[in-house]
Amino acid sequence: MRRLLLNHNISDLVHPGSNHSQMFDQNSLLHLFREAGFEGAVAADYLGSAIPEIGNIELDSRKQESLYVEAQR
C-alpha cells in the first residue's frame, strides 16, 4: 500500500498526465482492495452497486471510461 502515496512535485504540474496519480486494471485494483482487508471486493458493472440510487450521482459520460470495484468491510 505504501506505493500508493500521492507525493507530487512541481514537474507534475507540467506533465500531460499529471491529473492521474494512479491508474489500475481490474485485477490490480481487486488485489489492492483485498490487501487492504476487503475480502469481498468484486468488479461491478456501470450502475451495478449496493449504493442506493447510484444513478443519481454517476455520470453517463463515465460509463465507457471507468472501472468499478465495490466492497464492504
PDB file of N, CA and C in Angstrom:
ATOM      1  N   MET A   1       0.824  -1.191   0.000  1.00  0.00           N
ATOM      2  CA  MET A   1       0.000   0.000   0.000  1.00  0.00           C
ATOM      3  C   MET A   1       0.872   1.260   0.000  1.00  0.00           C
ATOM      4  N   ARG A   2       2.103   1.133   0.449  1.00  0.00           N
ATOM      5  CA  ARG A   2       2.972   2.323   0.508  1.00  0.00           C
ATOM      6  C   ARG A   2       3.208   2.944  -0.861  1.00  0.00           C
ATOM      7  N   ARG A   3       3.194   2.126  -1.892  1.00  0.00           N
ATOM      8  CA  ARG A   3       3.466   2.667  -3.231  1.00  0.00           C
ATOM      9  C   ARG A   3       2.352   3.562  -3.737  1.00  0.00           C
ATOM     10  N   LEU A   4       1.239   3.599  -3.042  1.00  0.00           N
ATOM     11  CA  LEU A   4       0.120   4.427  -3.472  1.00  0.00           C
ATOM     12  C   LEU A   4       0.172   5.847  -2.922  1.00  0.00           C
ATOM     13  N   LEU A   5       1.202   6.173  -2.151  1.00  0.00           N
ATOM     14  CA  LEU A   5       1.314   7.532  -1.636  1.00  0.00           C
ATOM     15  C   LEU A   5       1.318   8.514  -2.804  1.00  0.00           C
ATOM     16  N   LEU A   6       0.579   9.564  -2.652  1.00  0.00           N
ATOM     17  CA  LEU A   6       0.426  10.525  -3.745  1.00  0.00           C
ATOM     18  C   LEU A   6       1.340  11.718  -3.529  1.00  0.00           C
ATOM     19  N   ASN A   7       2.625  11.482  -3.632  1.00  0.00           N
ATOM     20  CA  ASN A   7       3.602  12.562  -3.478  1.00  0.00           C
ATOM     21  C   ASN A   7       3.782  13.252  -4.818  1.00  0.00           C
ATOM     22  N   HIS A   8       3.498  14.518  -4.852  1.00  0.00           N
ATOM     23  CA  HIS A   8       3.613  15.285  -6.088  1.00  0.00           C
ATOM     24  C   HIS A   8       4.718  16.327  -5.957  1.00  0.00           C
ATOM     25  N   ASN A   9       5.234  16.748  -7.099  1.00  0.00           N
ATOM     26  CA  ASN A   9       6.213  17.822  -7.104  1.00  0.00           C
ATOM     27  C   ASN A   9       5.911  18.753  -8.265  1.00  0.00           C
ATOM     28  N   ILE A  10       6.737  19.746  -8.453  1.00  0.00           N
ATOM     29  CA  ILE A  10       6.480  20.786  -9.468  1.00  0.00           C
ATOM     30  C   ILE A  10       6.431  20.205 -10.887  1.00  0.00           C
ATOM     31  N   SER A  11       7.191  19.162 -11.167  1.00  0.00           N
ATOM     32  CA  SER A  11       7.168  18.595 -12.520  1.00  0.00           C
ATOM     33  C   SER A  11       5.811  17.979 -12.858  1.00  0.00           C
ATOM     34  N   ASP A  12       5.035  17.590 -11.835  1.00  0.00           N
ATOM     35  CA  ASP A  12       3.704  17.049 -12.079  1.00  0.00           C
ATOM     36  C   ASP A  12       2.776  18.085 -12.701  1.00  0.00           C
ATOM     37  N   LEU A  13       3.035  19.348 -12.452  1.00  0.00           N
ATOM     38  CA  LEU A  13       2.173  20.403 -12.987  1.00  0.00           C
ATOM     39  C   LEU A  13       2.306  20.551 -14.497  1.00  0.00           C
ATOM     40  N   VAL A  14       3.468  20.241 -15.032  1.00  0.00           N
ATOM     41  CA  VAL A  14       3.680  20.412 -16.471  1.00  0.00           C
ATOM     42  C   VAL A  14       3.575  19.103 -17.252  1.00  0.00           C
ATOM     43  N   HIS A  15       3.501  17.984 -16.556  1.00  0.00           N
ATOM     44  CA  HIS A  15       3.376  16.683 -17.210  1.00  0.00           C
ATOM     45  C   HIS A  15       1.946  16.508 -17.718  1.00  0.00           C
ATOM     46  N   PRO A  16       1.748  16.073 -18.951  1.00  0.00           N
ATOM     47  CA  PRO A  16       0.402  15.959 -19.517  1.00  0.00           C
ATOM     48  C   PRO A  16      -0.517  14.977 -18.777  1.00  0.00           C
ATOM     49  N   GLY A  17       0.025  14.035 -18.059  1.00  0.00           N
ATOM     50  CA  GLY A  17      -0.810  13.071 -17.340  1.00  0.00           C
ATOM     51  C   GLY A  17      -0.890  13.351 -15.854  1.00  0.00           C
ATOM     52  N   SER A  18      -0.554  14.559 -15.451  1.00  0.00           N
ATOM     53  CA  SER A  18      -0.454  14.858 -14.026  1.00  0.00           C
ATOM     54  C   SER A  18      -1.781  14.770 -13.284  1.00  0.00           C
ATOM     55  N   ASN A  19      -2.898  14.813 -13.987  1.00  0.00           N
ATOM     56  CA  ASN A  19      -4.183  14.716 -13.295  1.00  0.00           C
ATOM     57  C   ASN A  19      -4.479  13.279 -12.861  1.00  0.00           C
ATOM     58  N   HIS A  20      -3.696  12.305 -13.304  1.00  0.00           N
ATOM     59  CA  HIS A  20      -3.851  10.914 -12.878  1.00  0.00           C
ATOM     60  C   HIS A  20      -2.661  10.538 -12.005  1.00  0.00           C
ATOM     61  N   SER A  21      -2.913  10.332 -10.722  1.00  0.00           N
ATOM     62  CA  SER A  21      -1.833   9.936  -9.827  1.00  0.00           C
ATOM     63  C   SER A  21      -1.603   8.441  -9.869  1.00  0.00           C
ATOM     64  N   GLN A  22      -2.658   7.671 -10.107  1.00  0.00           N
ATOM     65  CA  GLN A  22      -2.564   6.222 -10.188  1.00  0.00           C
ATOM     66  C   GLN A  22      -3.530   5.733 -11.262  1.00  0.00           C
ATOM     67  N   MET A  23      -3.160   4.641 -11.914  1.00  0.00           N
ATOM     68  CA  MET A  23      -4.064   4.001 -12.860  1.00  0.00           C
ATOM     69  C   MET A  23      -4.026   2.502 -12.594  1.00  0.00           C
ATOM     70  N   PHE A  24      -5.186   1.833 -12.695  1.00  0.00           N
ATOM     71  CA  PHE A  24      -5.298   0.427 -12.354  1.00  0.00           C
ATOM     72  C   PHE A  24      -6.091  -0.329 -13.402  1.00  0.00           C
ATOM     73  N   ASP A  25      -5.821  -1.632 -13.485  1.00  0.00           N
ATOM     74  CA  ASP A  25      -6.716  -2.511 -14.223  1.00  0.00           C
ATOM     75  C   ASP A  25      -7.547  -3.257 -13.174  1.00  0.00           C
ATOM     76  N   GLN A  26      -8.488  -4.050 -13.628  1.00  0.00           N
ATOM     77  CA  GLN A  26      -9.404  -4.738 -12.714  1.00  0.00           C
ATOM     78  C   GLN A  26      -8.658  -5.632 -11.720  1.00  0.00           C
ATOM     79  N   ASN A  27      -7.717  -6.424 -12.199  1.00  0.00           N
ATOM     80  CA  ASN A  27      -7.005  -7.353 -11.318  1.00  0.00           C
ATOM     81  C   ASN A  27      -6.177  -6.635 -10.268  1.00  0.00           C
ATOM     82  N   SER A  28      -5.461  -5.588 -10.651  1.00  0.00           N
ATOM     83  CA  SER A  28      -4.623  -4.891  -9.674  1.00  0.00           C
ATOM     84  C   SER A  28      -5.466  -4.155  -8.642  1.00  0.00           C
ATOM     85  N   LEU A  29      -6.582  -3.601  -9.055  1.00  0.00           N
ATOM     86  CA  LEU A  29      -7.438  -2.890  -8.113  1.00  0.00           C
ATOM     87  C   LEU A  29      -8.103  -3.861  -7.135  1.00  0.00           C
ATOM     88  N   LEU A  30      -8.571  -4.992  -7.631  1.00  0.00           N
ATOM     89  CA  LEU A  30      -9.137  -6.012  -6.746  1.00  0.00           C
ATOM     90  C   LEU A  30      -8.083  -6.520  -5.758  1.00  0.00           C
ATOM     91  N   HIS A  31      -6.874  -6.714  -6.224  1.00  0.00           N
ATOM     92  CA  HIS A  31      -5.793  -7.154  -5.352  1.00  0.00           C
ATOM     93  C   HIS A  31      -5.556  -6.138  -4.227  1.00  0.00           C
ATOM     94  N   LEU A  32      -5.515  -4.862  -4.564  1.00  0.00           N
ATOM     95  CA  LEU A  32      -5.284  -3.834  -3.546  1.00  0.00           C
ATOM     96  C   LEU A  32      -6.426  -3.765  -2.538  1.00  0.00           C
ATOM     97  N   PHE A  33      -7.644  -3.920  -3.002  1.00  0.00           N
ATOM     98  CA  PHE A  33      -8.788  -3.946  -2.078  1.00  0.00           C
ATOM     99  C   PHE A  33      -8.633  -5.103  -1.091  1.00  0.00           C
ATOM    100  N   ARG A  34      -8.324  -6.275  -1.611  1.00  0.00           N
ATOM    101  CA  ARG A  34      -8.182  -7.460  -0.748  1.00  0.00           C
ATOM    102  C   ARG A  34      -7.015  -7.307   0.211  1.00  0.00           C
ATOM    103  N   GLU A  35      -5.931  -6.732  -0.281  1.00  0.00           N
ATOM    104  CA  GLU A  35      -4.761  -6.496   0.563  1.00  0.00           C
ATOM    105  C   GLU A  35      -5.091  -5.526   1.708  1.00  0.00           C
ATOM    106  N   ALA A  36      -6.023  -4.630   1.468  1.00  0.00           N
ATOM    107  CA  ALA A  36      -6.434  -3.655   2.479  1.00  0.00           C
ATOM    108  C   ALA A  36      -7.502  -4.202   3.421  1.00  0.00           C
ATOM    109  N   GLY A  37      -7.890  -5.471   3.222  1.00  0.00           N
ATOM    110  CA  GLY A  37      -8.835  -6.089   4.140  1.00  0.00           C
ATOM    111  C   GLY A  37     -10.259  -6.215   3.634  1.00  0.00           C
ATOM    112  N   PHE A  38     -10.491  -5.901   2.385  1.00  0.00           N
ATOM    113  CA  PHE A  38     -11.819  -6.031   1.788  1.00  0.00           C
ATOM    114  C   PHE A  38     -11.908  -7.368   1.058  1.00  0.00           C
ATOM    115  N   GLU A  39     -12.208  -8.426   1.799  1.00  0.00           N
ATOM    116  CA  GLU A  39     -12.212  -9.774   1.228  1.00  0.00           C
ATOM    117  C   GLU A  39     -13.288  -9.969   0.164  1.00  0.00           C
ATOM    118  N   GLY A  40     -14.390  -9.269   0.256  1.00  0.00           N
ATOM    119  CA  GLY A  40     -15.483  -9.457  -0.684  1.00  0.00           C
ATOM    120  C   GLY A  40     -15.475  -8.496  -1.854  1.00  0.00           C
ATOM    121  N   ALA A  41     -14.338  -7.937  -2.183  1.00  0.00           N
ATOM    122  CA  ALA A  41     -14.260  -6.976  -3.286  1.00  0.00           C
ATOM    123  C   ALA A  41     -14.614  -7.655  -4.609  1.00  0.00           C
ATOM    124  N   VAL A  42     -15.439  -6.994  -5.390  1.00  0.00           N
ATOM    125  CA  VAL A  42     -15.849  -7.522  -6.690  1.00  0.00           C
ATOM    126  C   VAL A  42     -15.865  -6.408  -7.725  1.00  0.00           C
ATOM    127  N   ALA A  43     -15.592  -6.783  -8.963  1.00  0.00           N
ATOM    128  CA  ALA A  43     -15.744  -5.838 -10.061  1.00  0.00           C
ATOM    129  C   ALA A  43     -17.234  -5.689 -10.326  1.00  0.00           C
ATOM    130  N   ALA A  44     -17.645  -4.486 -10.645  1.00  0.00           N
ATOM    131  CA  ALA A  44     -19.066  -4.218 -10.874  1.00  0.00           C
ATOM    132  C   ALA A  44     -19.264  -3.590 -12.250  1.00  0.00           C
ATOM    133  N   ASP A  45     -20.462  -3.720 -12.753  1.00  0.00           N
ATOM    134  CA  ASP A  45     -20.833  -3.052 -13.993  1.00  0.00           C
ATOM    135  C   ASP A  45     -21.273  -1.626 -13.686  1.00  0.00           C
ATOM    136  N   TYR A  46     -21.314  -0.818 -14.704  1.00  0.00           N
ATOM    137  CA  TYR A  46     -21.824   0.542 -14.573  1.00  0.00           C
ATOM    138  C   TYR A  46     -23.222   0.497 -13.953  1.00  0.00           C
ATOM    139  N   LEU A  47     -23.428   1.265 -12.921  1.00  0.00           N
ATOM    140  CA  LEU A  47     -24.667   1.357 -12.138  1.00  0.00           C
ATOM    141  C   LEU A  47     -24.981   0.087 -11.352  1.00  0.00           C
ATOM    142  N   GLY A  48     -24.078  -0.890 -11.360  1.00  0.00           N
ATOM    143  CA  GLY A  48     -24.264  -2.102 -10.575  1.00  0.00           C
ATOM    144  C   GLY A  48     -23.631  -1.914  -9.206  1.00  0.00           C
ATOM    145  N   SER A  49     -24.391  -1.403  -8.270  1.00  0.00           N
ATOM    146  CA  SER A  49     -23.837  -1.033  -6.974  1.00  0.00           C
ATOM    147  C   SER A  49     -24.808  -1.323  -5.844  1.00  0.00           C
ATOM    148  N   ALA A  50     -24.259  -1.523  -4.663  1.00  0.00           N
ATOM    149  CA  ALA A  50     -25.075  -1.652  -3.457  1.00  0.00           C
ATOM    150  C   ALA A  50     -25.482  -0.272  -2.934  1.00  0.00           C
ATOM    151  N   ILE A  51     -24.935   0.783  -3.508  1.00  0.00           N
ATOM    152  CA  ILE A  51     -25.280   2.146  -3.099  1.00  0.00           C
ATOM    153  C   ILE A  51     -26.663   2.479  -3.643  1.00  0.00           C
ATOM    154  N   PRO A  52     -27.599   2.801  -2.754  1.00  0.00           N
ATOM    155  CA  PRO A  52     -28.945   3.146  -3.224  1.00  0.00           C
ATOM    156  C   PRO A  52     -28.903   4.365  -4.157  1.00  0.00           C
ATOM    157  N   GLU A  53     -29.652   4.294  -5.213  1.00  0.00           N
ATOM    158  CA  GLU A  53     -29.788   5.403  -6.161  1.00  0.00           C
ATOM    159  C   GLU A  53     -28.447   5.884  -6.712  1.00  0.00           C
ATOM    160  N   ILE A  54     -27.558   4.949  -7.019  1.00  0.00           N
ATOM    161  CA  ILE A  54     -26.244   5.295  -7.563  1.00  0.00           C
ATOM    162  C   ILE A  54     -26.367   6.106  -8.852  1.00  0.00           C
ATOM    163  N   GLY A  55     -27.428   5.895  -9.589  1.00  0.00           N
ATOM    164  CA  GLY A  55     -27.647   6.632 -10.837  1.00  0.00           C
ATOM    165  C   GLY A  55     -27.790   8.128 -10.648  1.00  0.00           C
ATOM    166  N   ASN A  56     -28.105   8.554  -9.442  1.00  0.00           N
ATOM    167  CA  ASN A  56     -28.238   9.988  -9.172  1.00  0.00           C
ATOM    168  C   ASN A  56     -26.896  10.703  -9.096  1.00  0.00           C
ATOM    169  N   ILE A  57     -25.828   9.934  -8.869  1.00  0.00           N
ATOM    170  CA  ILE A  57     -24.520  10.586  -8.753  1.00  0.00           C
ATOM    171  C   ILE A  57     -23.528  10.156  -9.832  1.00  0.00           C
ATOM    172  N   GLU A  58     -23.785   9.046 -10.498  1.00  0.00           N
ATOM    173  CA  GLU A  58     -22.873   8.563 -11.528  1.00  0.00           C
ATOM    174  C   GLU A  58     -23.193   9.227 -12.868  1.00  0.00           C
ATOM    175  N   LEU A  59     -22.164   9.564 -13.605  1.00  0.00           N
ATOM    176  CA  LEU A  59     -22.331  10.246 -14.894  1.00  0.00           C
ATOM    177  C   LEU A  59     -22.337   9.253 -16.047  1.00  0.00           C
ATOM    178  N   ASP A  60     -23.304   9.384 -16.948  1.00  0.00           N
ATOM    179  CA  ASP A  60     -23.360   8.523 -18.133  1.00  0.00           C
ATOM    180  C   ASP A  60     -22.089   8.633 -18.966  1.00  0.00           C
ATOM    181  N   SER A  61     -21.489   9.818 -18.988  1.00  0.00           N
ATOM    182  CA  SER A  61     -20.287  10.026 -19.789  1.00  0.00           C
ATOM    183  C   SER A  61     -19.095   9.214 -19.278  1.00  0.00           C
ATOM    184  N   ARG A  62     -19.148   8.729 -18.045  1.00  0.00           N
ATOM    185  CA  ARG A  62     -18.062   7.947 -17.477  1.00  0.00           C
ATOM    186  C   ARG A  62     -18.229   6.443 -17.718  1.00  0.00           C
ATOM    187  N   LYS A  63     -19.349   6.043 -18.269  1.00  0.00           N
ATOM    188  CA  LYS A  63     -19.684   4.624 -18.427  1.00  0.00           C
ATOM    189  C   LYS A  63     -18.605   3.832 -19.161  1.00  0.00           C
ATOM    190  N   GLN A  64     -18.073   4.350 -20.233  1.00  0.00           N
ATOM    191  CA  GLN A  64     -17.105   3.627 -21.061  1.00  0.00           C
ATOM    192  C   GLN A  64     -15.665   3.802 -20.601  1.00  0.00           C
ATOM    193  N   GLU A  65     -15.403   4.757 -19.732  1.00  0.00           N
ATOM    194  CA  GLU A  65     -14.011   5.045 -19.365  1.00  0.00           C
ATOM    195  C   GLU A  65     -13.646   4.643 -17.938  1.00  0.00           C
ATOM    196  N   SER A  66     -14.580   4.095 -17.206  1.00  0.00           N
ATOM    197  CA  SER A  66     -14.345   3.835 -15.791  1.00  0.00           C
ATOM    198  C   SER A  66     -14.316   2.342 -15.460  1.00  0.00           C
ATOM    199  N   LEU A  67     -13.610   2.033 -14.397  1.00  0.00           N
ATOM    200  CA  LEU A  67     -13.544   0.702 -13.841  1.00  0.00           C
ATOM    201  C   LEU A  67     -14.241   0.769 -12.484  1.00  0.00           C
ATOM    202  N   TYR A  68     -15.138  -0.155 -12.234  1.00  0.00           N
ATOM    203  CA  TYR A  68     -15.926  -0.142 -10.997  1.00  0.00           C
ATOM    204  C   TYR A  68     -15.594  -1.352 -10.152  1.00  0.00           C
ATOM    205  N   VAL A  69     -15.192  -1.096  -8.910  1.00  0.00           N
ATOM    206  CA  VAL A  69     -14.943  -2.143  -7.934  1.00  0.00           C
ATOM    207  C   VAL A  69     -15.640  -1.710  -6.655  1.00  0.00           C
ATOM    208  N   GLU A  70     -16.298  -2.661  -6.019  1.00  0.00           N
ATOM    209  CA  GLU A  70     -17.049  -2.331  -4.813  1.00  0.00           C
ATOM    210  C   GLU A  70     -16.807  -3.375  -3.744  1.00  0.00           C
ATOM    211  N   ALA A  71     -16.778  -2.927  -2.490  1.00  0.00           N
ATOM    212  CA  ALA A  71     -16.598  -3.837  -1.365  1.00  0.00           C
ATOM    213  C   ALA A  71     -17.205  -3.219  -0.123  1.00  0.00           C
ATOM    214  N   GLN A  72     -17.516  -4.084   0.811  1.00  0.00           N
ATOM    215  CA  GLN A  72     -17.971  -3.641   2.126  1.00  0.00           C
ATOM    216  C   GLN A  72     -17.053  -4.237   3.150  1.00  0.00           C
ATOM    217  N   ARG A  73     -16.853  -3.522   4.218  1.00  0.00           N
ATOM    218  CA  ARG A  73     -15.944  -4.012   5.252  1.00  0.00           C
ATOM    219  C   ARG A  73     -16.715  -4.331   6.495  1.00  0.00           C
TER     220      ARG A  73
END
